[in-house]
């Protein structure tokens, strides 16, 4: 039997789980809307990889699964936006393209979650802007905040799993910023949803334990 960690990083497993949840809880019309969003996101993220080495599309799939399976979000627009939440920011998809295909509500959610990147942005600037963006989300609809919390949870779990061989100088440079951002994000989640906050808090504890272990390994213990 495969371990939960292997399943977490298995694109085949996550796709199968996602499709089963959608088939179980949505009617034909909503199923089509969600699967269309999945196909669009998969194509948009083609060839992109996560820092932990996985195909990028596994991340929005797991974000959608968290909303479906962990807190029972049966709103097809929320699920669709979860699948599409990085396509403007990371893939250069135009707002008009999303609105034409998925409607105003989904597009509004995705746009709210998009952080406009500045050319030549430093790590310090990126951290400040990401934290500032997170604070602005407190003014956005609850649906947007839910998606962001699920996004935070998955990013946190992934950061804890970045393998030793992926620890390039760039990755080591990112890690302190990730840690600070995750602590701010945990505070954000506290006021959004108790289940997601608890899971983020638990994942943050594991992240810190693994961080300390990596430090000991680098020191030769």
C-alpha atoms as a PDB file:
ATOM      1  CA  UNK A   1       0.000   0.000   0.000  1.00  0.00           C
ATOM      2  CA  UNK A   2       1.381   3.391  -0.999  1.00  0.00           C
ATOM      3  CA  UNK A   3       2.220   5.812   1.772  1.00  0.00           C
ATOM      4  CA  UNK A   4       0.274   9.044   2.105  1.00  0.00           C
ATOM      5  CA  UNK A   5       3.441  10.981   1.170  1.00  0.00           C
ATOM      6  CA  UNK A   6       3.804   9.077  -2.100  1.00  0.00           C
ATOM      7  CA  UNK A   7       0.111   9.649  -2.840  1.00  0.00           C
ATOM      8  CA  UNK A   8       0.506  13.361  -2.058  1.00  0.00           C
ATOM      9  CA  UNK A   9       3.134  13.656  -4.806  1.00  0.00           C
ATOM     10  CA  UNK A  10       1.452  11.278  -7.270  1.00  0.00           C
ATOM     11  CA  UNK A  11      -0.227  13.200 -10.082  1.00  0.00           C
ATOM     12  CA  UNK A  12      -2.092  10.075 -11.164  1.00  0.00           C
ATOM     13  CA  UNK A  13      -3.492   9.532  -7.664  1.00  0.00           C
ATOM     14  CA  UNK A  14      -4.487  13.183  -7.194  1.00  0.00           C
ATOM     15  CA  UNK A  15      -6.214  13.353 -10.585  1.00  0.00           C
ATOM     16  CA  UNK A  16      -8.173  10.197  -9.820  1.00  0.00           C
ATOM     17  CA  UNK A  17      -9.211  11.479  -6.390  1.00  0.00           C
ATOM     18  CA  UNK A  18     -10.227  14.851  -7.798  1.00  0.00           C
ATOM     19  CA  UNK A  19     -12.336  13.377 -10.592  1.00  0.00           C
ATOM     20  CA  UNK A  20     -14.053  10.980  -8.158  1.00  0.00           C
ATOM     21  CA  UNK A  21     -15.002  13.868  -5.834  1.00  0.00           C
ATOM     22  CA  UNK A  22     -16.348  15.934  -8.724  1.00  0.00           C
ATOM     23  CA  UNK A  23     -18.358  12.994 -10.130  1.00  0.00           C
ATOM     24  CA  UNK A  24     -19.804  12.218  -6.695  1.00  0.00           C
ATOM     25  CA  UNK A  25     -20.916  15.682  -5.639  1.00  0.00           C
ATOM     26  CA  UNK A  26     -21.794  17.646  -8.790  1.00  0.00           C
ATOM     27  CA  UNK A  27     -24.427  17.397 -11.502  1.00  0.00           C
ATOM     28  CA  UNK A  28     -23.517  17.139 -15.205  1.00  0.00           C
ATOM     29  CA  UNK A  29     -23.474  20.895 -15.861  1.00  0.00           C
ATOM     30  CA  UNK A  30     -21.202  21.718 -12.921  1.00  0.00           C
ATOM     31  CA  UNK A  31     -19.010  18.712 -13.666  1.00  0.00           C
ATOM     32  CA  UNK A  32     -18.419  20.019 -17.179  1.00  0.00           C
ATOM     33  CA  UNK A  33     -17.563  23.485 -15.851  1.00  0.00           C
ATOM     34  CA  UNK A  34     -15.037  22.082 -13.369  1.00  0.00           C
ATOM     35  CA  UNK A  35     -13.418  19.650 -15.801  1.00  0.00           C
ATOM     36  CA  UNK A  36     -13.126  22.457 -18.382  1.00  0.00           C
ATOM     37  CA  UNK A  37     -11.264  24.516 -15.765  1.00  0.00           C
ATOM     38  CA  UNK A  38      -9.016  21.543 -14.989  1.00  0.00           C
ATOM     39  CA  UNK A  39      -8.157  20.978 -18.678  1.00  0.00           C
ATOM     40  CA  UNK A  40      -7.490  24.702 -19.182  1.00  0.00           C
ATOM     41  CA  UNK A  41      -5.201  24.850 -16.123  1.00  0.00           C
ATOM     42  CA  UNK A  42      -3.360  21.677 -17.127  1.00  0.00           C
ATOM     43  CA  UNK A  43      -2.602  23.101 -20.562  1.00  0.00           C
ATOM     44  CA  UNK A  44      -1.603  26.498 -19.168  1.00  0.00           C
ATOM     45  CA  UNK A  45       0.872  24.932 -16.708  1.00  0.00           C
ATOM     46  CA  UNK A  46       2.376  22.488 -19.227  1.00  0.00           C
ATOM     47  CA  UNK A  47       6.134  22.022 -18.640  1.00  0.00           C
ATOM     48  CA  UNK A  48       6.085  24.041 -15.406  1.00  0.00           C
ATOM     49  CA  UNK A  49       7.540  22.335 -12.332  1.00  0.00           C
ATOM     50  CA  UNK A  50       7.229  22.953  -8.610  1.00  0.00           C
ATOM     51  CA  UNK A  51      10.262  23.553  -6.354  1.00  0.00           C
ATOM     52  CA  UNK A  52       9.836  20.039  -4.964  1.00  0.00           C
ATOM     53  CA  UNK A  53      10.058  18.663  -8.528  1.00  0.00           C
ATOM     54  CA  UNK A  54       6.395  17.777  -9.191  1.00  0.00           C
ATOM     55  CA  UNK A  55       4.450  18.816 -12.295  1.00  0.00           C
ATOM     56  CA  UNK A  56       2.925  22.205 -11.455  1.00  0.00           C
ATOM     57  CA  UNK A  57      -0.658  21.156 -12.161  1.00  0.00           C
ATOM     58  CA  UNK A  58      -0.655  18.872  -9.117  1.00  0.00           C
ATOM     59  CA  UNK A  59      -0.709  21.971  -6.909  1.00  0.00           C
ATOM     60  CA  UNK A  60      -4.034  23.492  -8.103  1.00  0.00           C
ATOM     61  CA  UNK A  61      -5.535  19.986  -8.153  1.00  0.00           C
ATOM     62  CA  UNK A  62      -4.637  19.484  -4.479  1.00  0.00           C
ATOM     63  CA  UNK A  63      -5.931  22.972  -3.632  1.00  0.00           C
ATOM     64  CA  UNK A  64      -9.281  22.024  -5.186  1.00  0.00           C
ATOM     65  CA  UNK A  65      -9.286  18.676  -3.361  1.00  0.00           C
ATOM     66  CA  UNK A  66      -8.678  20.433  -0.042  1.00  0.00           C
ATOM     67  CA  UNK A  67     -11.735  22.611  -0.615  1.00  0.00           C
ATOM     68  CA  UNK A  68     -13.852  19.648  -1.698  1.00  0.00           C
ATOM     69  CA  UNK A  69     -12.728  16.984   0.726  1.00  0.00           C
ATOM     70  CA  UNK A  70     -11.616  18.833   3.845  1.00  0.00           C
ATOM     71  CA  UNK A  71     -14.303  21.471   4.210  1.00  0.00           C
ATOM     72  CA  UNK A  72     -17.038  20.373   1.796  1.00  0.00           C
ATOM     73  CA  UNK A  73     -17.086  23.302  -0.621  1.00  0.00           C
ATOM     74  CA  UNK A  74     -19.676  22.309  -3.213  1.00  0.00           C
ATOM     75  CA  UNK A  75     -19.601  25.533  -5.248  1.00  0.00           C
ATOM     76  CA  UNK A  76     -18.372  24.865  -8.784  1.00  0.00           C
ATOM     77  CA  UNK A  77     -17.091  28.430  -9.208  1.00  0.00           C
ATOM     78  CA  UNK A  78     -14.887  28.129  -6.122  1.00  0.00           C
ATOM     79  CA  UNK A  79     -13.509  24.791  -7.319  1.00  0.00           C
ATOM     80  CA  UNK A  80     -12.941  26.167 -10.815  1.00  0.00           C
ATOM     81  CA  UNK A  81     -11.151  29.235  -9.464  1.00  0.00           C
ATOM     82  CA  UNK A  82      -8.982  27.012  -7.252  1.00  0.00           C
ATOM     83  CA  UNK A  83      -7.864  25.107 -10.340  1.00  0.00           C
ATOM     84  CA  UNK A  84      -7.195  28.340 -12.225  1.00  0.00           C
ATOM     85  CA  UNK A  85      -5.793  30.452  -9.401  1.00  0.00           C
ATOM     86  CA  UNK A  86      -2.238  30.713 -10.822  1.00  0.00           C
ATOM     87  CA  UNK A  87      -2.903  30.952 -14.572  1.00  0.00           C
ATOM     88  CA  UNK A  88      -2.870  34.765 -14.764  1.00  0.00           C
ATOM     89  CA  UNK A  89       0.126  35.209 -12.466  1.00  0.00           C
ATOM     90  CA  UNK A  90       2.298  32.326 -13.669  1.00  0.00           C
ATOM     91  CA  UNK A  91       1.123  31.629 -17.232  1.00  0.00           C
ATOM     92  CA  UNK A  92       0.231  35.051 -18.588  1.00  0.00           C
ATOM     93  CA  UNK A  93      -3.394  34.137 -19.323  1.00  0.00           C
ATOM     94  CA  UNK A  94      -5.447  37.262 -19.972  1.00  0.00           C
ATOM     95  CA  UNK A  95      -8.371  38.243 -17.768  1.00  0.00           C
ATOM     96  CA  UNK A  96     -10.623  38.574 -20.818  1.00  0.00           C
ATOM     97  CA  UNK A  97      -9.820  35.003 -21.840  1.00  0.00           C
ATOM     98  CA  UNK A  98     -10.872  33.649 -18.457  1.00  0.00           C
ATOM     99  CA  UNK A  99     -14.032  35.738 -18.314  1.00  0.00           C
ATOM    100  CA  UNK A 100     -15.135  34.661 -21.783  1.00  0.00           C
ATOM    101  CA  UNK A 101     -14.662  30.984 -20.942  1.00  0.00           C
ATOM    102  CA  UNK A 102     -15.515  30.746 -17.226  1.00  0.00           C
ATOM    103  CA  UNK A 103     -17.592  33.818 -16.392  1.00  0.00           C
ATOM    104  CA  UNK A 104     -17.246  36.919 -14.233  1.00  0.00           C
ATOM    105  CA  UNK A 105     -17.399  35.238 -10.813  1.00  0.00           C
ATOM    106  CA  UNK A 106     -14.598  32.730 -11.442  1.00  0.00           C
ATOM    107  CA  UNK A 107     -12.497  35.441 -13.098  1.00  0.00           C
ATOM    108  CA  UNK A 108     -13.038  37.797 -10.155  1.00  0.00           C
ATOM    109  CA  UNK A 109     -11.813  35.128  -7.732  1.00  0.00           C
ATOM    110  CA  UNK A 110      -8.725  34.333  -9.845  1.00  0.00           C
ATOM    111  CA  UNK A 111      -7.863  37.987 -10.361  1.00  0.00           C
ATOM    112  CA  UNK A 112      -8.207  38.677  -6.630  1.00  0.00           C
ATOM    113  CA  UNK A 113      -5.666  35.897  -5.958  1.00  0.00           C
ATOM    114  CA  UNK A 114      -3.218  37.194  -8.584  1.00  0.00           C
ATOM    115  CA  UNK A 115      -0.166  39.163  -7.500  1.00  0.00           C
ATOM    116  CA  UNK A 116       1.282  41.372 -10.205  1.00  0.00           C
ATOM    117  CA  UNK A 117       5.032  40.789 -10.327  1.00  0.00           C
ATOM    118  CA  UNK A 118       7.524  43.585 -10.848  1.00  0.00           C
ATOM    119  CA  UNK A 119      10.407  43.085 -13.283  1.00  0.00           C
ATOM    120  CA  UNK A 120      13.707  42.484 -11.471  1.00  0.00           C
ATOM    121  CA  UNK A 121      11.958  41.922  -8.155  1.00  0.00           C
ATOM    122  CA  UNK A 122      14.368  41.023  -5.319  1.00  0.00           C
ATOM    123  CA  UNK A 123      13.631  38.414  -2.635  1.00  0.00           C
ATOM    124  CA  UNK A 124      13.136  41.202  -0.072  1.00  0.00           C
ATOM    125  CA  UNK A 125      10.735  43.073  -2.352  1.00  0.00           C
ATOM    126  CA  UNK A 126       8.886  39.864  -3.176  1.00  0.00           C
ATOM    127  CA  UNK A 127       8.391  39.049   0.501  1.00  0.00           C
ATOM    128  CA  UNK A 128       7.033  42.517   1.305  1.00  0.00           C
ATOM    129  CA  UNK A 129       4.654  42.482  -1.651  1.00  0.00           C
ATOM    130  CA  UNK A 130       3.396  38.952  -0.978  1.00  0.00           C
ATOM    131  CA  UNK A 131       2.652  39.808   2.645  1.00  0.00           C
ATOM    132  CA  UNK A 132       0.968  43.058   1.576  1.00  0.00           C
ATOM    133  CA  UNK A 133      -1.117  41.120  -0.961  1.00  0.00           C
ATOM    134  CA  UNK A 134      -2.177  38.668   1.725  1.00  0.00           C
ATOM    135  CA  UNK A 135      -3.383  41.533   3.907  1.00  0.00           C
ATOM    136  CA  UNK A 136      -5.457  42.976   1.065  1.00  0.00           C
ATOM    137  CA  UNK A 137      -7.279  39.634   0.756  1.00  0.00           C
ATOM    138  CA  UNK A 138      -8.920  40.321   4.121  1.00  0.00           C
ATOM    139  CA  UNK A 139     -11.146  42.778   2.219  1.00  0.00           C
ATOM    140  CA  UNK A 140     -12.129  40.256  -0.449  1.00  0.00           C
ATOM    141  CA  UNK A 141     -15.071  37.820  -0.423  1.00  0.00           C
ATOM    142  CA  UNK A 142     -14.929  34.792   1.844  1.00  0.00           C
ATOM    143  CA  UNK A 143     -14.653  32.493  -1.195  1.00  0.00           C
ATOM    144  CA  UNK A 144     -11.354  34.117  -2.186  1.00  0.00           C
ATOM    145  CA  UNK A 145     -10.018  33.740   1.341  1.00  0.00           C
ATOM    146  CA  UNK A 146     -10.950  30.050   1.391  1.00  0.00           C
ATOM    147  CA  UNK A 147      -9.050  29.389  -1.835  1.00  0.00           C
ATOM    148  CA  UNK A 148      -6.039  31.292  -0.506  1.00  0.00           C
ATOM    149  CA  UNK A 149      -5.999  29.244   2.701  1.00  0.00           C
ATOM    150  CA  UNK A 150      -6.089  25.998   0.713  1.00  0.00           C
ATOM    151  CA  UNK A 151      -3.271  27.381  -1.450  1.00  0.00           C
ATOM    152  CA  UNK A 152      -1.215  28.265   1.633  1.00  0.00           C
ATOM    153  CA  UNK A 153      -1.742  24.806   3.117  1.00  0.00           C
ATOM    154  CA  UNK A 154      -0.535  23.030  -0.011  1.00  0.00           C
ATOM    155  CA  UNK A 155       2.472  25.331  -0.455  1.00  0.00           C
ATOM    156  CA  UNK A 156       3.420  24.776   3.173  1.00  0.00           C
ATOM    157  CA  UNK A 157       3.202  21.002   2.895  1.00  0.00           C
ATOM    158  CA  UNK A 158       5.278  21.111  -0.296  1.00  0.00           C
ATOM    159  CA  UNK A 159       7.962  23.374   1.165  1.00  0.00           C
ATOM    160  CA  UNK A 160       8.468  20.853   3.966  1.00  0.00           C
ATOM    161  CA  UNK A 161       8.979  18.142   1.332  1.00  0.00           C
ATOM    162  CA  UNK A 162      11.554  19.876  -0.901  1.00  0.00           C
ATOM    163  CA  UNK A 163      14.157  17.071  -1.284  1.00  0.00           C
ATOM    164  CA  UNK A 164      17.817  17.551  -0.386  1.00  0.00           C
ATOM    165  CA  UNK A 165      18.890  17.330  -4.051  1.00  0.00           C
ATOM    166  CA  UNK A 166      16.625  20.265  -4.919  1.00  0.00           C
ATOM    167  CA  UNK A 167      18.418  22.470  -2.410  1.00  0.00           C
ATOM    168  CA  UNK A 168      20.247  24.624  -4.918  1.00  0.00           C
ATOM    169  CA  UNK A 169      21.655  27.996  -3.781  1.00  0.00           C
ATOM    170  CA  UNK A 170      18.445  29.582  -5.121  1.00  0.00           C
ATOM    171  CA  UNK A 171      16.250  27.227  -3.072  1.00  0.00           C
ATOM    172  CA  UNK A 172      18.289  27.876   0.072  1.00  0.00           C
ATOM    173  CA  UNK A 173      17.857  31.590  -0.547  1.00  0.00           C
ATOM    174  CA  UNK A 174      14.079  31.209  -0.845  1.00  0.00           C
ATOM    175  CA  UNK A 175      13.597  29.106   2.276  1.00  0.00           C
ATOM    176  CA  UNK A 176      13.947  31.858   4.954  1.00  0.00           C
ATOM    177  CA  UNK A 177      11.446  33.983   3.014  1.00  0.00           C
ATOM    178  CA  UNK A 178       9.022  31.067   2.791  1.00  0.00           C
ATOM    179  CA  UNK A 179       9.258  30.554   6.539  1.00  0.00           C
ATOM    180  CA  UNK A 180       8.425  34.174   7.361  1.00  0.00           C
ATOM    181  CA  UNK A 181       5.596  34.245   4.822  1.00  0.00           C
ATOM    182  CA  UNK A 182       4.075  31.033   6.198  1.00  0.00           C
ATOM    183  CA  UNK A 183       3.926  32.422   9.733  1.00  0.00           C
ATOM    184  CA  UNK A 184       2.082  35.516   8.465  1.00  0.00           C
ATOM    185  CA  UNK A 185      -0.187  33.295   6.382  1.00  0.00           C
ATOM    186  CA  UNK A 186      -1.083  31.169   9.413  1.00  0.00           C
ATOM    187  CA  UNK A 187      -2.335  34.283  11.186  1.00  0.00           C
ATOM    188  CA  UNK A 188      -4.401  35.166   8.118  1.00  0.00           C
ATOM    189  CA  UNK A 189      -6.005  31.693   8.108  1.00  0.00           C
ATOM    190  CA  UNK A 190      -6.974  31.952  11.780  1.00  0.00           C
ATOM    191  CA  UNK A 191      -9.806  34.348  10.970  1.00  0.00           C
ATOM    192  CA  UNK A 192     -10.978  32.510   7.827  1.00  0.00           C
ATOM    193  CA  UNK A 193     -11.771  28.870   8.632  1.00  0.00           C
ATOM    194  CA  UNK A 194     -11.084  26.783  11.781  1.00  0.00           C
ATOM    195  CA  UNK A 195     -10.363  23.523   9.948  1.00  0.00           C
ATOM    196  CA  UNK A 196      -7.990  25.085   7.439  1.00  0.00           C
ATOM    197  CA  UNK A 197      -6.297  27.082  10.192  1.00  0.00           C
ATOM    198  CA  UNK A 198      -5.748  23.934  12.263  1.00  0.00           C
ATOM    199  CA  UNK A 199      -4.279  22.083   9.291  1.00  0.00           C
ATOM    200  CA  UNK A 200      -2.031  25.029   8.407  1.00  0.00           C
ATOM    201  CA  UNK A 201      -0.868  25.271  12.010  1.00  0.00           C
ATOM    202  CA  UNK A 202      -0.045  21.541  12.101  1.00  0.00           C
ATOM    203  CA  UNK A 203       1.741  21.722   8.738  1.00  0.00           C
ATOM    204  CA  UNK A 204       3.739  24.716   9.965  1.00  0.00           C
ATOM    205  CA  UNK A 205       4.925  22.728  12.994  1.00  0.00           C
ATOM    206  CA  UNK A 206       6.104  19.914  10.718  1.00  0.00           C
ATOM    207  CA  UNK A 207       7.778  22.457   8.444  1.00  0.00           C
ATOM    208  CA  UNK A 208       9.728  23.836  11.427  1.00  0.00           C
ATOM    209  CA  UNK A 209      10.785  20.362  12.571  1.00  0.00           C
ATOM    210  CA  UNK A 210      12.084  19.501   9.098  1.00  0.00           C
ATOM    211  CA  UNK A 211      13.817  22.884   8.906  1.00  0.00           C
ATOM    212  CA  UNK A 212      15.735  22.110  12.102  1.00  0.00           C
ATOM    213  CA  UNK A 213      16.632  18.624  10.852  1.00  0.00           C
ATOM    214  CA  UNK A 214      18.000  20.075   7.603  1.00  0.00           C
ATOM    215  CA  UNK A 215      20.093  22.513   9.663  1.00  0.00           C
ATOM    216  CA  UNK A 216      21.585  19.652  11.693  1.00  0.00           C
ATOM    217  CA  UNK A 217      22.333  17.677   8.531  1.00  0.00           C
ATOM    218  CA  UNK A 218      24.163  20.639   7.010  1.00  0.00           C
ATOM    219  CA  UNK A 219      26.224  20.944  10.204  1.00  0.00           C
ATOM    220  CA  UNK A 220      27.205  17.298   9.923  1.00  0.00           C
ATOM    221  CA  UNK A 221      25.203  15.797  12.804  1.00  0.00           C
END
